Amino acid sequence: MNQGLATLAFFGVNVNLVLFLTRVLGQSNGDAANNVSKWTGTVYMFSLIGAFLSDSFWGRYKTCAIFQAIFVLVSRAPSRIESEILVEARSEQLVADV
């Protein structure tokens, strides 16, 4: 169940990331596609790193706990940055509309 939801989230973000990068952040299509490729590669590499650490050193549950803690710590910082970027982009759009 958990793996299915994680896969669904991955593909959902993957599909919408190009639109977000081009429309909200103003990147060109080429730059957005390049950044999505980097993001996808990073996701796959961390899966391999996690599998190696789990099998070699930590075990399944400790690896899940450590990577979940990393996820929680890292996911909080971008949400603040993204909200500032979105507010700035929205205010620029409102000024342009006037």
N, C-alpha and C. Protein backbone atom coordinates (compact mmCIF):
# COMPACT_ATOMS: atom_id res chain seq x y z
N MET A 1 0.83 -1.19 0.00
CA MET A 1 0.00 0.00 0.00
C MET A 1 0.87 1.25 0.00
N ASN A 2 1.85 1.31 0.89
CA ASN A 2 2.72 2.48 0.99
C ASN A 2 3.50 2.70 -0.31
N GLN A 3 4.00 1.62 -0.89
CA GLN A 3 4.77 1.75 -2.14
C GLN A 3 3.88 2.24 -3.27
N GLY A 4 2.64 1.77 -3.30
CA GLY A 4 1.72 2.23 -4.33
C GLY A 4 1.42 3.72 -4.22
N LEU A 5 1.23 4.20 -3.01
CA LEU A 5 0.97 5.63 -2.80
C LEU A 5 2.21 6.46 -3.13
N ALA A 6 3.38 5.96 -2.78
CA ALA A 6 4.62 6.68 -3.10
C ALA A 6 4.82 6.76 -4.62
N THR A 7 4.52 5.68 -5.32
CA THR A 7 4.63 5.68 -6.78
C THR A 7 3.64 6.64 -7.41
N LEU A 8 2.41 6.65 -6.90
CA LEU A 8 1.40 7.57 -7.39
C LEU A 8 1.83 9.02 -7.17
N ALA A 9 2.38 9.32 -6.01
CA ALA A 9 2.86 10.68 -5.72
C ALA A 9 4.02 11.05 -6.64
N PHE A 10 4.93 10.13 -6.87
CA PHE A 10 6.09 10.39 -7.73
C PHE A 10 5.63 10.76 -9.14
N PHE A 11 4.75 9.97 -9.72
CA PHE A 11 4.31 10.24 -11.09
C PHE A 11 3.41 11.47 -11.15
N GLY A 12 2.65 11.73 -10.10
CA GLY A 12 1.84 12.94 -10.07
C GLY A 12 2.69 14.20 -10.06
N VAL A 13 3.75 14.20 -9.26
CA VAL A 13 4.66 15.34 -9.22
C VAL A 13 5.42 15.44 -10.53
N ASN A 14 5.85 14.32 -11.06
CA ASN A 14 6.64 14.30 -12.28
C ASN A 14 5.88 14.93 -13.44
N VAL A 15 4.59 14.65 -13.55
CA VAL A 15 3.79 15.19 -14.64
C VAL A 15 3.60 16.70 -14.49
N ASN A 16 3.35 17.17 -13.29
CA ASN A 16 3.04 18.58 -13.08
C ASN A 16 4.25 19.46 -12.86
N LEU A 17 5.41 18.87 -12.69
CA LEU A 17 6.60 19.66 -12.36
C LEU A 17 7.01 20.56 -13.52
N VAL A 18 6.92 20.09 -14.75
CA VAL A 18 7.29 20.92 -15.90
C VAL A 18 6.37 22.13 -15.99
N LEU A 19 5.08 21.92 -15.78
CA LEU A 19 4.14 23.04 -15.82
C LEU A 19 4.44 24.05 -14.72
N PHE A 20 4.75 23.56 -13.53
CA PHE A 20 5.08 24.46 -12.42
C PHE A 20 6.35 25.25 -12.73
N LEU A 21 7.36 24.57 -13.23
CA LEU A 21 8.63 25.24 -13.50
C LEU A 21 8.51 26.27 -14.62
N THR A 22 7.70 25.98 -15.63
CA THR A 22 7.57 26.92 -16.74
C THR A 22 6.61 28.06 -16.44
N ARG A 23 5.45 27.75 -15.90
CA ARG A 23 4.42 28.79 -15.71
C ARG A 23 4.63 29.61 -14.45
N VAL A 24 5.00 28.99 -13.35
CA VAL A 24 5.11 29.72 -12.09
C VAL A 24 6.52 30.30 -11.92
N LEU A 25 7.53 29.48 -12.16
CA LEU A 25 8.90 29.95 -11.96
C LEU A 25 9.51 30.59 -13.20
N GLY A 26 8.82 30.50 -14.34
CA GLY A 26 9.26 31.19 -15.55
C GLY A 26 10.47 30.59 -16.24
N GLN A 27 10.71 29.31 -16.07
CA GLN A 27 11.83 28.66 -16.75
C GLN A 27 11.44 28.34 -18.20
N SER A 28 12.44 28.24 -19.05
CA SER A 28 12.16 27.82 -20.43
C SER A 28 11.82 26.33 -20.43
N ASN A 29 11.23 25.87 -21.51
CA ASN A 29 10.86 24.45 -21.60
C ASN A 29 12.07 23.54 -21.49
N GLY A 30 13.18 23.93 -22.11
CA GLY A 30 14.39 23.13 -22.04
C GLY A 30 14.96 23.04 -20.64
N ASP A 31 15.00 24.18 -19.95
CA ASP A 31 15.51 24.18 -18.57
C ASP A 31 14.59 23.38 -17.65
N ALA A 32 13.28 23.53 -17.84
CA ALA A 32 12.33 22.78 -17.01
C ALA A 32 12.47 21.28 -17.23
N ALA A 33 12.59 20.87 -18.49
CA ALA A 33 12.75 19.44 -18.78
C ALA A 33 14.06 18.92 -18.20
N ASN A 34 15.11 19.72 -18.27
CA ASN A 34 16.40 19.32 -17.70
C ASN A 34 16.30 19.17 -16.18
N ASN A 35 15.61 20.09 -15.51
CA ASN A 35 15.46 20.01 -14.06
C ASN A 35 14.59 18.83 -13.65
N VAL A 36 13.57 18.51 -14.43
CA VAL A 36 12.74 17.33 -14.13
C VAL A 36 13.57 16.06 -14.30
N SER A 37 14.42 16.01 -15.31
CA SER A 37 15.29 14.85 -15.49
C SER A 37 16.25 14.69 -14.31
N LYS A 38 16.79 15.80 -13.83
CA LYS A 38 17.68 15.74 -12.66
C LYS A 38 16.92 15.27 -11.43
N TRP A 39 15.69 15.76 -11.25
CA TRP A 39 14.88 15.36 -10.11
C TRP A 39 14.56 13.86 -10.17
N THR A 40 14.19 13.38 -11.34
CA THR A 40 13.87 11.96 -11.51
C THR A 40 15.10 11.10 -11.23
N GLY A 41 16.25 11.50 -11.75
CA GLY A 41 17.48 10.75 -11.48
C GLY A 41 17.84 10.74 -10.01
N THR A 42 17.62 11.85 -9.33
CA THR A 42 17.91 11.92 -7.90
C THR A 42 17.00 10.98 -7.12
N VAL A 43 15.73 10.92 -7.48
CA VAL A 43 14.80 10.02 -6.81
C VAL A 43 15.24 8.57 -6.97
N TYR A 44 15.62 8.19 -8.19
CA TYR A 44 16.06 6.82 -8.42
C TYR A 44 17.37 6.50 -7.72
N MET A 45 18.30 7.47 -7.68
CA MET A 45 19.58 7.22 -7.02
C MET A 45 19.40 7.05 -5.51
N PHE A 46 18.53 7.85 -4.89
CA PHE A 46 18.30 7.70 -3.46
C PHE A 46 17.64 6.36 -3.14
N SER A 47 16.85 5.84 -4.05
CA SER A 47 16.29 4.51 -3.84
C SER A 47 17.39 3.46 -3.79
N LEU A 48 18.35 3.57 -4.70
CA LEU A 48 19.46 2.62 -4.72
C LEU A 48 20.35 2.78 -3.49
N ILE A 49 20.61 4.02 -3.09
CA ILE A 49 21.43 4.26 -1.90
C ILE A 49 20.74 3.70 -0.66
N GLY A 50 19.43 3.93 -0.56
CA GLY A 50 18.68 3.40 0.58
C GLY A 50 18.69 1.88 0.62
N ALA A 51 18.57 1.26 -0.55
CA ALA A 51 18.60 -0.21 -0.59
C ALA A 51 19.97 -0.73 -0.17
N PHE A 52 21.03 -0.08 -0.61
CA PHE A 52 22.37 -0.50 -0.23
C PHE A 52 22.59 -0.37 1.28
N LEU A 53 22.22 0.79 1.83
CA LEU A 53 22.39 1.00 3.26
C LEU A 53 21.56 0.03 4.08
N SER A 54 20.35 -0.24 3.62
CA SER A 54 19.48 -1.16 4.33
C SER A 54 20.03 -2.58 4.33
N ASP A 55 20.49 -3.02 3.19
CA ASP A 55 21.00 -4.40 3.08
C ASP A 55 22.35 -4.57 3.75
N SER A 56 23.17 -3.53 3.74
CA SER A 56 24.53 -3.68 4.23
C SER A 56 24.72 -3.31 5.70
N PHE A 57 24.02 -2.27 6.16
CA PHE A 57 24.36 -1.73 7.46
C PHE A 57 23.19 -1.64 8.44
N TRP A 58 22.13 -0.93 8.09
CA TRP A 58 21.14 -0.50 9.06
C TRP A 58 19.97 -1.46 9.25
N GLY A 59 19.57 -2.15 8.23
CA GLY A 59 18.35 -2.94 8.31
C GLY A 59 17.16 -2.13 7.79
N ARG A 60 16.08 -2.82 7.53
CA ARG A 60 14.92 -2.21 6.88
C ARG A 60 14.29 -1.08 7.70
N TYR A 61 14.01 -1.33 8.96
CA TYR A 61 13.26 -0.36 9.75
C TYR A 61 14.08 0.87 10.10
N LYS A 62 15.34 0.67 10.42
CA LYS A 62 16.19 1.81 10.75
C LYS A 62 16.41 2.68 9.51
N THR A 63 16.57 2.07 8.34
CA THR A 63 16.73 2.83 7.11
C THR A 63 15.48 3.65 6.81
N CYS A 64 14.32 3.03 6.98
CA CYS A 64 13.06 3.77 6.76
C CYS A 64 12.94 4.95 7.72
N ALA A 65 13.30 4.75 8.97
CA ALA A 65 13.19 5.81 9.96
C ALA A 65 14.16 6.96 9.65
N ILE A 66 15.37 6.63 9.27
CA ILE A 66 16.37 7.66 8.97
C ILE A 66 15.96 8.47 7.74
N PHE A 67 15.56 7.79 6.67
CA PHE A 67 15.17 8.51 5.46
C PHE A 67 13.87 9.28 5.65
N GLN A 68 12.97 8.80 6.49
CA GLN A 68 11.75 9.55 6.79
C GLN A 68 12.09 10.82 7.55
N ALA A 69 13.03 10.74 8.48
CA ALA A 69 13.47 11.93 9.22
C ALA A 69 14.12 12.95 8.27
N ILE A 70 14.95 12.47 7.36
CA ILE A 70 15.56 13.36 6.37
C ILE A 70 14.49 14.01 5.52
N PHE A 71 13.51 13.23 5.10
CA PHE A 71 12.42 13.75 4.27
C PHE A 71 11.66 14.86 5.00
N VAL A 72 11.35 14.65 6.26
CA VAL A 72 10.60 15.65 7.02
C VAL A 72 11.42 16.93 7.18
N LEU A 73 12.70 16.80 7.48
CA LEU A 73 13.54 17.98 7.66
C LEU A 73 13.72 18.76 6.36
N VAL A 74 13.92 18.06 5.28
CA VAL A 74 14.17 18.72 4.00
C VAL A 74 12.88 19.27 3.40
N SER A 75 11.77 18.61 3.61
CA SER A 75 10.53 19.05 2.97
C SER A 75 9.98 20.34 3.58
N ARG A 76 10.39 20.69 4.76
CA ARG A 76 9.90 21.92 5.39
C ARG A 76 10.55 23.17 4.78
N ALA A 77 11.81 23.11 4.46
CA ALA A 77 12.51 24.28 3.92
C ALA A 77 11.98 24.70 2.55
N PRO A 78 11.83 23.79 1.58
CA PRO A 78 11.33 24.23 0.28
C PRO A 78 9.92 24.79 0.32
N SER A 79 9.07 24.33 1.23
CA SER A 79 7.72 24.86 1.26
C SER A 79 7.72 26.34 1.61
N ARG A 80 8.61 26.75 2.49
CA ARG A 80 8.74 28.18 2.81
C ARG A 80 9.27 28.96 1.62
N ILE A 81 10.27 28.42 0.97
CA ILE A 81 10.86 29.09 -0.19
C ILE A 81 9.83 29.18 -1.32
N GLU A 82 9.13 28.08 -1.58
CA GLU A 82 8.13 28.07 -2.65
C GLU A 82 7.02 29.06 -2.37
N SER A 83 6.56 29.16 -1.12
CA SER A 83 5.48 30.09 -0.82
C SER A 83 5.94 31.53 -1.05
N GLU A 84 7.20 31.85 -0.73
CA GLU A 84 7.71 33.19 -1.00
C GLU A 84 7.78 33.45 -2.50
N ILE A 85 8.21 32.45 -3.28
CA ILE A 85 8.29 32.61 -4.73
C ILE A 85 6.90 32.78 -5.32
N LEU A 86 5.93 31.98 -4.84
CA LEU A 86 4.57 32.08 -5.35
C LEU A 86 3.95 33.42 -5.02
N VAL A 87 4.18 33.92 -3.81
CA VAL A 87 3.63 35.23 -3.43
C VAL A 87 4.25 36.31 -4.29
N GLU A 88 5.57 36.23 -4.51
CA GLU A 88 6.25 37.22 -5.34
C GLU A 88 5.75 37.16 -6.77
N ALA A 89 5.60 35.95 -7.33
CA ALA A 89 5.12 35.81 -8.70
C ALA A 89 3.69 36.31 -8.82
N ARG A 90 2.87 36.03 -7.83
CA ARG A 90 1.47 36.47 -7.86
C ARG A 90 1.39 37.99 -7.77
N SER A 91 2.21 38.61 -6.92
CA SER A 91 2.18 40.07 -6.80
C SER A 91 2.67 40.73 -8.08
N GLU A 92 3.66 40.14 -8.74
CA GLU A 92 4.13 40.67 -10.03
C GLU A 92 3.03 40.56 -11.08
N GLN A 93 2.28 39.47 -11.06
CA GLN A 93 1.20 39.28 -12.01
C GLN A 93 0.08 40.29 -11.75
N LEU A 94 -0.22 40.55 -10.48
CA LEU A 94 -1.26 41.53 -10.15
C LEU A 94 -0.85 42.93 -10.58
N VAL A 95 0.41 43.28 -10.41
CA VAL A 95 0.90 44.59 -10.83
C VAL A 95 0.85 44.70 -12.36
N ALA A 96 1.19 43.63 -13.07
CA ALA A 96 1.16 43.63 -14.52
C ALA A 96 -0.27 43.74 -15.04
N ASP A 97 -1.24 43.19 -14.33
CA ASP A 97 -2.63 43.25 -14.76
C ASP A 97 -3.21 44.64 -14.61
N VAL A 98 -2.66 45.42 -13.68
CA VAL A 98 -3.20 46.77 -13.43
C VAL A 98 -2.68 47.71 -14.45
